[in-house]
Amino acid sequence: MTDLNELMKQARDMQEQMKKAQEEALSKVVEGESGAGMVKVVMNGRHDLKKIELAEGLLQEDKEVVEDLIAAAVNDAVRKVEDSNKETLSGMASGFKLPEGFKFPF
């Protein structure tokens, strides 16, 4: 029974850490960019777009070019948020001793 009790304690600890990680993700901010910095976006850990910065003169370009650069900058920020979230979760999971053969669903 000791092993089961220890596993339950670890599960509770992990649940607390997951909750903290989710709360931290809300305040985490990443910057995505494209066009060698012509377009920069700021996004939080919930994928909320907070700010878009366009370089001077960019609006002189074709509409399609500007749209593509904005999409690329947003996609860059999304990848950075996802990478950060994966890193946080995998770091948390590595600290727990689980039974041999047990795998997380991620």
C-alpha atoms as a PDB file:
ATOM      1  CA  MET A   1       0.000   0.000   0.000  1.00  0.00           C
ATOM      2  CA  THR A   2       2.896   2.351   0.596  1.00  0.00           C
ATOM      3  CA  ASP A   3       3.639   2.502  -3.134  1.00  0.00           C
ATOM      4  CA  LEU A   4       0.029   3.399  -3.902  1.00  0.00           C
ATOM      5  CA  ASN A   5      -0.003   6.094  -1.216  1.00  0.00           C
ATOM      6  CA  GLU A   6       3.229   7.532  -2.577  1.00  0.00           C
ATOM      7  CA  LEU A   7       1.829   7.484  -6.115  1.00  0.00           C
ATOM      8  CA  MET A   8      -1.316   9.298  -4.940  1.00  0.00           C
ATOM      9  CA  LYS A   9       0.802  11.928  -3.196  1.00  0.00           C
ATOM     10  CA  GLN A  10       2.847  12.415  -6.352  1.00  0.00           C
ATOM     11  CA  ALA A  11      -0.359  12.765  -8.373  1.00  0.00           C
ATOM     12  CA  ARG A  12      -1.627  15.480  -6.006  1.00  0.00           C
ATOM     13  CA  ASP A  13       1.726  17.262  -6.164  1.00  0.00           C
ATOM     14  CA  MET A  14       1.707  17.069  -9.936  1.00  0.00           C
ATOM     15  CA  GLN A  15      -1.835  18.429 -10.072  1.00  0.00           C
ATOM     16  CA  GLU A  16      -0.735  21.438  -8.004  1.00  0.00           C
ATOM     17  CA  GLN A  17       2.270  22.008 -10.247  1.00  0.00           C
ATOM     18  CA  MET A  18       0.078  21.767 -13.358  1.00  0.00           C
ATOM     19  CA  LYS A  19      -2.259  24.375 -11.918  1.00  0.00           C
ATOM     20  CA  LYS A  20       0.686  26.700 -11.214  1.00  0.00           C
ATOM     21  CA  ALA A  21       2.099  26.119 -14.702  1.00  0.00           C
ATOM     22  CA  GLN A  22      -1.242  26.990 -16.278  1.00  0.00           C
ATOM     23  CA  GLU A  23      -1.450  30.187 -14.244  1.00  0.00           C
ATOM     24  CA  GLU A  24       2.114  31.124 -15.226  1.00  0.00           C
ATOM     25  CA  ALA A  25       1.281  30.491 -18.894  1.00  0.00           C
ATOM     26  CA  LEU A  26      -1.319  33.239 -18.726  1.00  0.00           C
ATOM     27  CA  SER A  27       1.302  35.794 -17.787  1.00  0.00           C
ATOM     28  CA  LYS A  28       4.090  34.435 -20.009  1.00  0.00           C
ATOM     29  CA  VAL A  29       4.741  36.637 -23.029  1.00  0.00           C
ATOM     30  CA  VAL A  30       6.483  35.733 -26.273  1.00  0.00           C
ATOM     31  CA  GLU A  31       7.373  37.777 -29.329  1.00  0.00           C
ATOM     32  CA  GLY A  32       7.009  36.434 -32.838  1.00  0.00           C
ATOM     33  CA  GLU A  33       8.419  38.150 -35.881  1.00  0.00           C
ATOM     34  CA  SER A  34       8.753  37.906 -39.621  1.00  0.00           C
ATOM     35  CA  GLY A  35      10.337  39.776 -42.501  1.00  0.00           C
ATOM     36  CA  ALA A  36      13.583  40.313 -40.565  1.00  0.00           C
ATOM     37  CA  GLY A  37      11.674  42.187 -37.877  1.00  0.00           C
ATOM     38  CA  MET A  38       9.355  44.124 -40.177  1.00  0.00           C
ATOM     39  CA  VAL A  39       6.397  42.618 -38.322  1.00  0.00           C
ATOM     40  CA  LYS A  40       6.491  41.809 -34.606  1.00  0.00           C
ATOM     41  CA  VAL A  41       3.670  40.421 -32.506  1.00  0.00           C
ATOM     42  CA  VAL A  42       3.358  39.933 -28.767  1.00  0.00           C
ATOM     43  CA  MET A  43       1.314  36.976 -27.517  1.00  0.00           C
ATOM     44  CA  ASN A  44       0.621  35.537 -24.077  1.00  0.00           C
ATOM     45  CA  GLY A  45       0.603  31.892 -23.069  1.00  0.00           C
ATOM     46  CA  ARG A  46      -3.111  31.572 -23.828  1.00  0.00           C
ATOM     47  CA  HIS A  47      -2.431  32.571 -27.445  1.00  0.00           C
ATOM     48  CA  ASP A  48      -4.046  35.982 -26.948  1.00  0.00           C
ATOM     49  CA  LEU A  49      -2.483  38.436 -29.376  1.00  0.00           C
ATOM     50  CA  LYS A  50      -1.586  41.516 -27.326  1.00  0.00           C
ATOM     51  CA  LYS A  51       0.273  43.750 -29.765  1.00  0.00           C
ATOM     52  CA  ILE A  52       1.283  44.065 -33.416  1.00  0.00           C
ATOM     53  CA  GLU A  53       4.156  46.293 -34.519  1.00  0.00           C
ATOM     54  CA  LEU A  54       4.676  47.147 -38.182  1.00  0.00           C
ATOM     55  CA  ALA A  55       7.913  48.681 -39.451  1.00  0.00           C
ATOM     56  CA  GLU A  56       7.777  52.130 -40.971  1.00  0.00           C
ATOM     57  CA  GLY A  57       7.098  51.900 -44.675  1.00  0.00           C
ATOM     58  CA  LEU A  58       5.645  48.397 -44.534  1.00  0.00           C
ATOM     59  CA  LEU A  59       2.219  49.690 -45.480  1.00  0.00           C
ATOM     60  CA  GLN A  60       3.726  50.838 -48.778  1.00  0.00           C
ATOM     61  CA  GLU A  61       4.046  47.165 -49.725  1.00  0.00           C
ATOM     62  CA  ASP A  62       1.338  45.162 -51.460  1.00  0.00           C
ATOM     63  CA  LYS A  63      -1.550  44.182 -49.224  1.00  0.00           C
ATOM     64  CA  GLU A  64      -0.825  40.464 -49.748  1.00  0.00           C
ATOM     65  CA  VAL A  65       2.793  40.896 -48.618  1.00  0.00           C
ATOM     66  CA  VAL A  66       1.703  42.626 -45.401  1.00  0.00           C
ATOM     67  CA  GLU A  67      -0.924  39.957 -44.726  1.00  0.00           C
ATOM     68  CA  ASP A  68       1.607  37.156 -45.271  1.00  0.00           C
ATOM     69  CA  LEU A  69       4.119  38.817 -42.940  1.00  0.00           C
ATOM     70  CA  ILE A  70       1.498  39.240 -40.213  1.00  0.00           C
ATOM     71  CA  ALA A  71       0.424  35.597 -40.538  1.00  0.00           C
ATOM     72  CA  ALA A  72       4.055  34.447 -40.380  1.00  0.00           C
ATOM     73  CA  ALA A  73       4.747  36.526 -37.260  1.00  0.00           C
ATOM     74  CA  VAL A  74       1.639  35.167 -35.517  1.00  0.00           C
ATOM     75  CA  ASN A  75       2.615  31.599 -36.446  1.00  0.00           C
ATOM     76  CA  ASP A  76       6.117  32.215 -35.070  1.00  0.00           C
ATOM     77  CA  ALA A  77       4.649  33.384 -31.754  1.00  0.00           C
ATOM     78  CA  VAL A  78       2.273  30.403 -31.585  1.00  0.00           C
ATOM     79  CA  ARG A  79       5.196  27.980 -32.072  1.00  0.00           C
ATOM     80  CA  LYS A  80       7.128  29.721 -29.306  1.00  0.00           C
ATOM     81  CA  VAL A  81       4.165  29.472 -26.908  1.00  0.00           C
ATOM     82  CA  GLU A  82       3.689  25.782 -27.733  1.00  0.00           C
ATOM     83  CA  ASP A  83       7.400  25.039 -27.278  1.00  0.00           C
ATOM     84  CA  SER A  84       7.421  26.848 -23.955  1.00  0.00           C
ATOM     85  CA  ASN A  85       4.350  24.947 -22.737  1.00  0.00           C
ATOM     86  CA  LYS A  86       5.803  21.581 -23.795  1.00  0.00           C
ATOM     87  CA  GLU A  87       9.078  22.387 -22.063  1.00  0.00           C
ATOM     88  CA  THR A  88       7.279  23.291 -18.843  1.00  0.00           C
ATOM     89  CA  LEU A  89       5.173  20.113 -18.850  1.00  0.00           C
ATOM     90  CA  SER A  90       8.021  17.755 -19.687  1.00  0.00           C
ATOM     91  CA  GLY A  91      10.158  19.347 -16.980  1.00  0.00           C
ATOM     92  CA  MET A  92       7.429  18.769 -14.435  1.00  0.00           C
ATOM     93  CA  ALA A  93       6.903  15.141 -15.426  1.00  0.00           C
ATOM     94  CA  SER A  94      10.586  14.289 -15.148  1.00  0.00           C
ATOM     95  CA  GLY A  95      10.551  14.956 -11.400  1.00  0.00           C
ATOM     96  CA  PHE A  96       8.078  12.199 -10.600  1.00  0.00           C
ATOM     97  CA  LYS A  97       8.932   8.551  -9.993  1.00  0.00           C
ATOM     98  CA  LEU A  98       6.354   6.497 -11.821  1.00  0.00           C
ATOM     99  CA  PRO A  99       5.940   2.743 -12.065  1.00  0.00           C
ATOM    100  CA  GLU A 100       7.965   1.098 -14.800  1.00  0.00           C
ATOM    101  CA  GLY A 101       6.106   1.174 -18.102  1.00  0.00           C
ATOM    102  CA  PHE A 102       3.832   4.077 -17.118  1.00  0.00           C
ATOM    103  CA  LYS A 103       3.590   6.671 -19.864  1.00  0.00           C
ATOM    104  CA  PHE A 104       2.026  10.082 -19.985  1.00  0.00           C
ATOM    105  CA  PRO A 105      -0.349  10.856 -22.831  1.00  0.00           C
ATOM    106  CA  PHE A 106       1.980  13.583 -24.175  1.00  0.00           C
END
